[in-house]
Amino acid sequence: MKIAFKNFGCKANSLEADALFLEARRRGHEIVDENKSADAYVINSCTVTAHADRDARWEATRYKRKNPLARIGVIGCYAQVGKEELLALPEIDYVVGTANKFRILDLIEESPDTRDQVEAPLGFLPKDFPGSRHARANVKIQDGCNFNCSFCIIPQARGRSRSLSIETILKQIDQAEKEGFEEVGLTGIHIAHYGWDLGTDLMALLRAIFAKKTGPRIRVSTLDPFEVPDELIEWLGKEKRLCPHFHIAIQSGSDTVLQGMRRIYKASEFVEVTKKIEAQYADTFIGVDVIVGFPGETREEFSKTVQLLEQSFWTKLHVFPFSVRKGTRAETLIEKVDGKEISLRAELLRRMSDERYEKFLRSQIGKSVEPILERPARKFPGAWLGHTENYLPVIAHVEGQSKKKISARIVEITSGYALANPD
């Protein structure tokens, strides 16, 4: 059977899509590009925004037009919280929630009459390393979230936090290493909640990982400002297996807006933690999530976000114009921000991000780095694209292969890339 996959959303979704892709291939199916005719199409959905929901529905309609006889399955977060909307669409054959995504393969193979396959949101935590289609692997250490931010539907889609045991994670990292991966990202829905259900925590996991002095380097995914402990910061530049790269969700520089979002920290905590990181290891890459135009956000409150970012240490912003998500508390808030004003605020932050990112890239000229090669660089014939330990996109003219780690020195910055010569 020819099967095509379409993935939306976060790194956790990407890992799950990889697991499904590889499982389908193990079962003997032919995997084809989503733009080609297939016997079945699997849409791994996201539901962070209403736009993400629309994307999933639009793709289902497009696939059915392409092949009216194809079986269409929508799985994941949108399927979990919006199954009635999806089941109402004649183009969609099966709706599978977040609990057992592998079931979609059984459904398209067996073609049962029951379309609704949504159970309680118990998460998706493979016990064995599922593999990866990419040069850098991920291990999903937990699923779900125990917070209840007013703009977010994900706790309803994924349920409360559940974790894999430390032993299982160590085994998966070893499996990834045996498959030739030089880097493993620790991912999940909210990894700072790791271990709460097991009587342990993220730092205990990291200590267990780094007790072994050899193995793939480790990259940590998104944390909130108060979730970056001093011990972790102190490892930067010293623990060779720890990537000097953080992704920190600040969302707003206004405490009033943060309170409306139901975020449980103050904006000043972001300044404090990023200054600690800068003092410890100034080559650390810090990506930052910011939401603009949250209901009731005044120009003065937005200016506090700008001021906070001006006095903080970070590298690149991920700017999200606020959009109402049905089913969240933010949907009930009356004081909406004008769409044009939201766009102007987002554009201002994106310009600020571009300037800061370019400055950081140029500060890396002359530095020795170890990028992991991912694929031939499309815009640079004869060169390879990879990412360094501190997440710089590097172009190197080498005889390479995917997953290979090389030593190189950054010599030039062009078009958002660091050009590097092999050592």
Protein backbone atom coordinates (compact mmCIF):
# COMPACT_ATOMS: atom_id res chain seq x y z
CA MET A 1 0.00 0.00 0.00
CA LYS A 2 1.18 3.53 -0.80
CA ILE A 3 0.97 5.80 2.25
CA ALA A 4 1.71 9.53 2.50
CA PHE A 5 2.28 11.40 5.76
CA LYS A 6 1.71 15.06 6.59
CA ASN A 7 2.98 16.40 9.92
CA PHE A 8 2.09 19.63 11.71
CA GLY A 9 3.28 21.13 14.97
CA CYS A 10 5.96 20.66 17.59
CA LYS A 11 9.07 18.50 17.93
CA ALA A 12 7.08 15.92 19.87
CA ASN A 13 4.73 15.63 16.89
CA SER A 14 7.71 15.36 14.56
CA LEU A 15 9.12 12.46 16.58
CA GLU A 16 5.75 10.72 16.54
CA ALA A 17 5.47 11.21 12.78
CA ASP A 18 8.93 9.66 12.36
CA ALA A 19 7.87 6.67 14.45
CA LEU A 20 4.77 6.15 12.31
CA PHE A 21 6.70 6.61 9.06
CA LEU A 22 9.30 4.02 10.05
CA GLU A 23 6.69 1.59 11.42
CA ALA A 24 4.74 1.81 8.16
CA ARG A 25 7.90 1.03 6.22
CA ARG A 26 8.66 -1.92 8.52
CA ARG A 27 5.19 -3.26 7.73
CA GLY A 28 6.08 -3.26 4.06
CA HIS A 29 4.19 -0.18 2.91
CA GLU A 30 5.59 2.16 0.27
CA ILE A 31 5.98 5.70 1.60
CA VAL A 32 5.25 8.36 -1.02
CA ASP A 33 5.36 12.14 -1.08
CA GLU A 34 2.16 13.81 0.13
CA ASN A 35 1.76 15.55 -3.24
CA LYS A 36 1.57 12.23 -5.09
CA SER A 37 -1.34 9.85 -5.38
CA ALA A 38 -1.51 7.41 -2.48
CA ASP A 39 -3.80 4.70 -1.16
CA ALA A 40 -3.85 6.36 2.26
CA TYR A 41 -2.96 9.75 3.73
CA VAL A 42 -2.15 10.24 7.41
CA ILE A 43 -2.37 13.78 8.83
CA ASN A 44 -0.60 14.17 12.19
CA SER A 45 -2.43 17.24 13.44
CA CYS A 46 -1.64 20.18 15.70
CA THR A 47 -4.28 22.21 17.52
CA VAL A 48 -2.31 25.08 19.06
CA THR A 49 -4.28 27.58 16.95
CA ALA A 50 -7.52 27.63 14.97
CA HIS A 51 -5.33 28.08 11.90
CA ALA A 52 -3.65 24.74 12.61
CA ASP A 53 -7.08 23.09 12.73
CA ARG A 54 -8.02 24.63 9.38
CA ASP A 55 -4.77 23.40 7.84
CA ALA A 56 -5.59 19.80 8.79
CA ARG A 57 -9.12 20.02 7.34
CA TRP A 58 -7.85 21.66 4.17
CA GLU A 59 -5.23 18.95 3.63
CA ALA A 60 -7.83 16.20 4.11
CA THR A 61 -10.02 17.78 1.44
CA ARG A 62 -7.07 18.20 -0.91
CA TYR A 63 -6.00 14.58 -0.55
CA LYS A 64 -9.52 13.28 -1.19
CA ARG A 65 -9.71 15.33 -4.38
CA LYS A 66 -6.38 13.86 -5.45
CA ASN A 67 -7.60 10.29 -4.92
CA PRO A 68 -11.30 9.85 -4.02
CA LEU A 69 -10.68 6.20 -3.12
CA ALA A 70 -7.84 6.97 -0.69
CA ARG A 71 -8.31 6.41 3.05
CA ILE A 72 -7.78 9.61 5.00
CA GLY A 73 -6.83 9.55 8.69
CA VAL A 74 -6.43 12.56 10.99
CA ILE A 75 -4.52 11.76 14.17
CA GLY A 76 -3.14 13.67 17.14
CA CYS A 77 -4.07 16.79 19.07
CA TYR A 78 -6.79 18.22 16.83
CA ALA A 79 -8.32 14.76 16.53
CA GLN A 80 -8.40 14.57 20.33
CA VAL A 81 -10.21 17.85 21.00
CA GLY A 82 -12.09 18.36 17.72
CA LYS A 83 -13.25 14.92 16.70
CA GLU A 84 -16.87 16.01 16.11
CA GLU A 85 -15.73 18.59 13.54
CA LEU A 86 -13.56 16.03 11.81
CA LEU A 87 -16.11 13.20 11.87
CA ALA A 88 -18.59 15.58 10.22
CA LEU A 89 -16.36 15.80 7.15
CA PRO A 90 -17.08 13.04 4.59
CA GLU A 91 -13.50 13.26 3.31
CA ILE A 92 -12.11 11.88 6.59
CA ASP A 93 -12.28 8.15 7.18
CA TYR A 94 -10.64 7.80 10.60
CA VAL A 95 -10.03 10.06 13.59
CA VAL A 96 -7.42 8.87 16.10
CA GLY A 97 -6.51 10.85 19.21
CA THR A 98 -3.21 11.20 21.05
CA ALA A 99 -3.35 7.93 23.01
CA ASN A 100 -2.41 5.37 20.37
CA LYS A 101 -1.31 6.89 17.11
CA PHE A 102 0.00 3.59 15.76
CA ARG A 103 -3.63 2.42 15.52
CA ILE A 104 -4.01 4.46 12.34
CA LEU A 105 -1.88 1.92 10.49
CA ASP A 106 -4.17 -0.92 11.58
CA LEU A 107 -7.21 1.09 10.49
CA ILE A 108 -6.00 1.84 6.98
CA GLU A 109 -4.92 -1.79 6.59
CA GLU A 110 -8.17 -3.31 7.89
CA SER A 111 -10.75 -0.66 6.87
CA PRO A 112 -13.19 -1.12 9.78
CA ASP A 113 -16.51 0.73 9.86
CA THR A 114 -15.79 2.55 13.13
CA ARG A 115 -14.34 5.96 12.31
CA ASP A 116 -14.04 7.36 15.85
CA GLN A 117 -10.87 6.07 17.55
CA VAL A 118 -10.45 8.77 20.19
CA GLU A 119 -9.76 7.61 23.75
CA ALA A 120 -8.69 9.39 26.95
CA PRO A 121 -5.55 11.52 26.32
CA LEU A 122 -3.00 9.16 27.82
CA GLY A 123 -0.14 10.23 25.60
CA PHE A 124 2.23 8.50 23.25
CA LEU A 125 5.50 7.34 24.81
CA PRO A 126 7.40 4.70 22.81
CA LYS A 127 9.31 2.33 25.10
CA ASP A 128 12.01 1.75 22.46
CA PHE A 129 13.88 4.29 20.37
CA PRO A 130 11.58 4.72 17.35
CA GLY A 131 14.34 5.87 15.00
CA SER A 132 14.49 9.08 13.04
CA ARG A 133 14.40 10.15 9.41
CA HIS A 134 16.74 13.02 10.28
CA ALA A 135 20.40 13.46 11.09
CA ARG A 136 19.72 14.38 14.70
CA ALA A 137 17.55 12.11 16.82
CA ASN A 138 14.97 12.89 19.50
CA VAL A 139 13.89 10.88 22.51
CA LYS A 140 10.46 11.73 23.91
CA ILE A 141 10.88 11.68 27.67
CA GLN A 142 7.36 12.78 28.71
CA ASP A 143 3.94 13.69 27.36
CA GLY A 144 1.21 16.00 28.65
CA CYS A 145 1.24 19.17 30.75
CA ASN A 146 0.13 19.97 34.31
CA PHE A 147 -0.26 23.72 33.71
CA ASN A 148 -3.39 25.49 32.51
CA CYS A 149 -2.32 28.56 30.53
CA SER A 150 -5.35 30.56 29.42
CA PHE A 151 -4.38 30.55 25.73
CA CYS A 152 -3.49 26.85 25.45
CA ILE A 153 -5.62 23.81 24.60
CA ILE A 154 -2.78 21.27 24.76
CA PRO A 155 -3.46 19.96 28.31
CA GLN A 156 -6.89 18.92 27.04
CA ALA A 157 -5.33 17.25 24.02
CA ARG A 158 -2.44 15.51 25.79
CA GLY A 159 -3.64 15.13 29.38
CA ARG A 160 -1.51 15.42 32.50
CA SER A 161 2.22 14.83 32.42
CA ARG A 162 3.44 11.24 32.21
CA SER A 163 7.08 10.19 31.99
CA LEU A 164 9.30 7.37 30.86
CA SER A 165 11.62 5.90 33.46
CA ILE A 166 15.23 7.06 33.56
CA GLU A 167 16.32 3.52 32.67
CA THR A 168 14.11 3.47 29.56
CA ILE A 169 15.44 6.84 28.40
CA LEU A 170 19.06 5.77 28.91
CA LYS A 171 18.33 2.65 26.87
CA GLN A 172 16.83 4.72 24.06
CA ILE A 173 19.84 7.04 23.99
CA ASP A 174 22.11 3.98 23.75
CA GLN A 175 19.94 2.65 20.91
CA ALA A 176 20.23 5.98 19.09
CA GLU A 177 24.00 5.91 19.51
CA LYS A 178 24.16 2.38 18.06
CA GLU A 179 22.23 3.64 15.03
CA GLY A 180 24.93 6.26 14.45
CA PHE A 181 23.31 9.37 15.90
CA GLU A 182 25.76 11.90 17.34
CA GLU A 183 23.03 14.02 18.95
CA VAL A 184 19.83 13.31 20.87
CA GLY A 185 17.25 15.94 21.74
CA LEU A 186 15.18 15.41 24.88
CA THR A 187 11.68 16.35 23.87
CA GLY A 188 8.14 16.26 25.17
CA ILE A 189 5.17 18.55 25.71
CA HIS A 190 6.59 20.17 28.86
CA ILE A 191 9.87 18.50 29.76
CA ALA A 192 10.28 20.46 33.01
CA HIS A 193 7.43 18.26 34.30
CA TYR A 194 9.53 15.20 33.61
CA GLY A 195 9.47 12.71 36.46
CA TRP A 196 6.81 14.40 38.61
CA ASP A 197 4.69 11.25 38.28
CA LEU A 198 7.69 9.01 39.11
CA GLY A 199 9.16 10.81 42.11
CA THR A 200 12.11 12.22 40.17
CA ASP A 201 12.85 15.23 37.95
CA LEU A 202 14.63 16.50 34.85
CA MET A 203 17.92 17.21 36.62
CA ALA A 204 18.07 13.67 38.00
CA LEU A 205 17.63 12.41 34.46
CA LEU A 206 20.39 14.68 33.13
CA ARG A 207 22.77 13.62 35.91
CA ALA A 208 22.15 9.98 34.97
CA ILE A 209 22.77 10.74 31.29
CA PHE A 210 26.00 12.64 31.92
CA ALA A 211 27.29 10.03 34.35
CA LYS A 212 28.37 8.31 31.15
CA LYS A 213 31.17 10.46 29.75
CA THR A 214 30.79 9.27 26.17
CA GLY A 215 27.80 9.15 23.88
CA PRO A 216 25.66 11.48 21.79
CA ARG A 217 25.54 15.13 22.76
CA ILE A 218 22.27 16.12 24.44
CA ARG A 219 19.99 19.01 23.49
CA VAL A 220 17.26 20.16 25.89
CA SER A 221 13.96 21.50 24.54
CA THR A 222 11.68 24.30 25.76
CA LEU A 223 11.68 25.47 29.38
CA ASP A 224 10.05 28.38 31.20
CA PRO A 225 12.34 31.00 32.82
CA PHE A 226 12.01 29.60 36.35
CA GLU A 227 12.65 26.06 35.09
CA VAL A 228 16.33 26.59 34.21
CA PRO A 229 18.22 25.62 37.41
CA ASP A 230 21.61 27.03 38.36
CA GLU A 231 23.13 23.55 38.24
CA LEU A 232 22.21 23.20 34.57
CA ILE A 233 23.63 26.64 33.79
CA GLU A 234 26.88 25.75 35.57
CA TRP A 235 27.37 22.81 33.19
CA LEU A 236 27.50 25.11 30.15
CA GLY A 237 30.93 25.03 28.55
CA LYS A 238 32.04 22.31 30.98
CA GLU A 239 29.83 19.30 30.30
CA LYS A 240 30.90 18.46 26.77
CA ARG A 241 27.79 16.43 26.02
CA LEU A 242 25.41 19.30 26.85
CA CYS A 243 24.52 21.51 23.90
CA PRO A 244 24.77 25.21 24.86
CA HIS A 245 21.31 25.89 23.55
CA PHE A 246 18.10 26.82 25.36
CA HIS A 247 14.60 27.54 24.17
CA ILE A 248 12.82 29.66 26.77
CA ALA A 249 9.15 30.65 26.63
CA ILE A 250 8.75 34.18 28.01
CA GLN A 251 5.52 35.05 26.07
CA SER A 252 5.36 38.63 27.44
CA GLY A 253 7.47 41.17 29.28
CA SER A 254 4.45 42.49 31.19
CA ASP A 255 3.57 40.87 34.50
CA THR A 256 -0.04 41.94 34.01
CA VAL A 257 -0.25 40.12 30.68
CA LEU A 258 1.55 37.09 32.11
CA GLN A 259 -1.04 36.96 34.88
CA GLY A 260 -3.82 37.04 32.27
CA MET A 261 -2.08 34.20 30.45
CA ARG A 262 -1.90 32.25 33.74
CA ARG A 263 1.86 32.00 33.47
CA ILE A 264 3.41 31.38 36.90
CA TYR A 265 6.52 33.55 36.76
CA LYS A 266 7.43 37.22 36.59
CA ALA A 267 9.06 38.82 33.56
CA SER A 268 12.13 39.76 35.59
CA GLU A 269 12.93 36.06 36.02
CA PHE A 270 13.70 35.88 32.30
CA VAL A 271 16.22 38.71 32.59
CA GLU A 272 17.87 37.07 35.58
CA VAL A 273 18.21 33.61 34.08
CA THR A 274 19.50 34.83 30.71
CA LYS A 275 22.11 37.03 32.41
CA LYS A 276 23.29 33.98 34.38
CA ILE A 277 23.58 32.03 31.14
CA GLU A 278 25.52 34.84 29.46
CA ALA A 279 27.94 35.10 32.41
CA GLN A 280 28.52 31.34 32.38
CA TYR A 281 28.88 30.78 28.61
CA ALA A 282 28.31 33.69 26.24
CA ASP A 283 28.24 31.43 23.15
CA THR A 284 24.96 29.88 24.31
CA PHE A 285 22.11 30.15 21.82
CA ILE A 286 18.78 31.18 23.40
CA GLY A 287 15.62 31.00 21.36
CA VAL A 288 12.61 32.78 22.86
CA ASP A 289 8.84 32.38 22.42
CA VAL A 290 6.82 35.61 22.51
CA ILE A 291 3.07 36.12 22.01
CA VAL A 292 1.91 39.55 20.85
CA GLY A 293 -1.62 40.90 20.99
CA PHE A 294 -2.94 38.82 23.87
CA PRO A 295 -6.44 40.13 24.78
CA GLY A 296 -6.14 43.36 26.72
CA GLU A 297 -2.44 43.91 25.94
CA THR A 298 -1.99 47.69 25.84
CA ARG A 299 0.74 49.53 23.96
CA GLU A 300 2.39 50.25 27.29
CA GLU A 301 2.37 46.55 28.19
CA PHE A 302 3.80 45.65 24.80
CA SER A 303 6.53 48.28 25.30
CA LYS A 304 7.48 46.41 28.49
CA THR A 305 8.12 43.34 26.36
CA VAL A 306 10.39 45.38 24.08
CA GLN A 307 12.24 46.86 27.06
CA LEU A 308 12.67 43.47 28.68
CA LEU A 309 14.12 42.00 25.48
CA GLU A 310 16.48 44.96 25.08
CA GLN A 311 18.02 44.30 28.51
CA SER A 312 18.16 40.49 28.25
CA PHE A 313 20.59 38.02 26.71
CA TRP A 314 19.01 35.98 23.91
CA THR A 315 19.64 35.05 20.29
CA LYS A 316 16.46 34.67 18.28
CA LEU A 317 12.73 35.27 18.79
CA HIS A 318 9.85 33.06 17.75
CA VAL A 319 7.02 35.59 17.47
CA PHE A 320 3.43 34.38 17.62
CA PRO A 321 0.62 36.84 16.81
CA PHE A 322 -2.21 35.93 19.18
CA SER A 323 -5.16 34.08 17.69
CA VAL A 324 -8.13 32.85 19.65
CA ARG A 325 -8.20 29.13 20.33
CA LYS A 326 -11.70 27.74 20.84
CA GLY A 327 -12.15 26.04 24.19
CA THR A 328 -9.58 28.09 26.10
CA ARG A 329 -10.17 30.71 28.79
CA ALA A 330 -8.68 33.37 26.50
CA GLU A 331 -11.63 32.84 24.15
CA THR A 332 -13.88 34.49 26.76
CA LEU A 333 -11.73 37.60 27.21
CA ILE A 334 -13.47 40.63 25.75
CA GLU A 335 -10.71 43.21 25.18
CA LYS A 336 -9.33 42.07 21.83
CA VAL A 337 -6.35 43.79 20.21
CA ASP A 338 -6.86 45.07 16.66
CA GLY A 339 -5.40 42.76 14.03
CA LYS A 340 -3.39 45.51 12.34
CA GLU A 341 -1.90 46.50 15.68
CA ILE A 342 -0.93 42.88 16.34
CA SER A 343 0.81 42.73 12.96
CA LEU A 344 2.76 45.93 13.66
CA ARG A 345 3.91 44.63 17.05
CA ALA A 346 4.93 41.29 15.57
CA GLU A 347 6.90 42.99 12.80
CA LEU A 348 8.76 45.18 15.31
CA LEU A 349 9.85 42.12 17.30
CA ARG A 350 10.86 40.24 14.17
CA ARG A 351 13.11 43.12 13.11
CA MET A 352 14.62 43.15 16.60
CA SER A 353 15.17 39.40 16.32
CA ASP A 354 16.86 39.67 12.92
CA GLU A 355 19.29 42.29 14.25
CA ARG A 356 20.13 40.32 17.40
CA TYR A 357 20.55 37.05 15.48
CA GLU A 358 22.87 38.64 12.92
CA LYS A 359 24.95 40.10 15.75
CA PHE A 360 25.22 36.70 17.43
CA LEU A 361 26.20 35.00 14.19
CA ARG A 362 28.99 37.53 13.59
CA SER A 363 30.25 37.03 17.14
CA GLN A 364 30.92 33.41 16.22
CA ILE A 365 33.40 34.15 13.41
CA GLY A 366 36.70 32.47 14.21
CA LYS A 367 35.13 29.99 16.65
CA SER A 368 35.74 26.25 16.41
CA VAL A 369 32.50 24.27 16.20
CA GLU A 370 31.29 20.72 15.64
CA PRO A 371 28.33 20.71 13.27
CA ILE A 372 26.44 17.52 12.54
CA LEU A 373 25.89 17.25 8.79
CA GLU A 374 22.27 16.90 7.78
CA ARG A 375 21.88 17.24 4.02
CA PRO A 376 23.47 18.78 0.94
CA ALA A 377 23.00 22.56 1.02
CA ARG A 378 20.55 23.56 -1.70
CA LYS A 379 21.88 27.12 -2.09
CA PHE A 380 25.56 26.15 -1.89
CA PRO A 381 26.46 23.50 -4.50
CA GLY A 382 29.01 20.99 -3.26
CA ALA A 383 28.50 21.94 0.41
CA TRP A 384 26.67 20.39 3.33
CA LEU A 385 24.24 21.98 5.80
CA GLY A 386 24.46 21.11 9.49
CA HIS A 387 23.89 22.55 12.94
CA THR A 388 26.52 23.23 15.58
CA GLU A 389 26.28 22.38 19.24
CA ASN A 390 24.93 25.91 19.85
CA TYR A 391 22.45 25.55 16.99
CA LEU A 392 24.07 27.68 14.31
CA PRO A 393 23.18 26.65 10.75
CA VAL A 394 26.56 25.91 9.19
CA ILE A 395 27.54 25.48 5.55
CA ALA A 396 30.74 23.47 5.03
CA HIS A 397 32.41 22.31 1.83
CA VAL A 398 33.31 18.78 2.84
CA GLU A 399 33.04 15.22 1.63
CA GLY A 400 30.17 14.48 3.96
CA GLN A 401 27.36 12.19 4.84
CA SER A 402 24.25 12.62 6.92
CA LYS A 403 24.70 12.21 10.72
CA LYS A 404 28.46 12.79 10.52
CA LYS A 405 29.95 15.22 13.05
CA ILE A 406 32.89 17.29 11.83
CA SER A 407 35.27 19.84 13.36
CA ALA A 408 35.25 23.22 11.62
CA ARG A 409 35.98 26.90 12.09
CA ILE A 410 33.49 29.65 11.23
CA VAL A 411 34.98 32.08 8.71
CA GLU A 412 32.07 34.11 7.33
CA ILE A 413 28.38 34.92 7.78
CA THR A 414 26.07 35.15 4.79
CA SER A 415 22.28 35.12 4.40
CA GLY A 416 21.73 33.79 7.92
CA TYR A 417 24.26 30.97 7.59
CA ALA A 418 27.68 30.49 9.10
CA LEU A 419 30.23 29.41 6.50
CA ALA A 420 32.85 27.13 8.01
CA ASN A 421 36.09 25.50 6.89
CA PRO A 422 36.87 22.03 8.17
CA ASP A 423 39.75 21.88 10.68
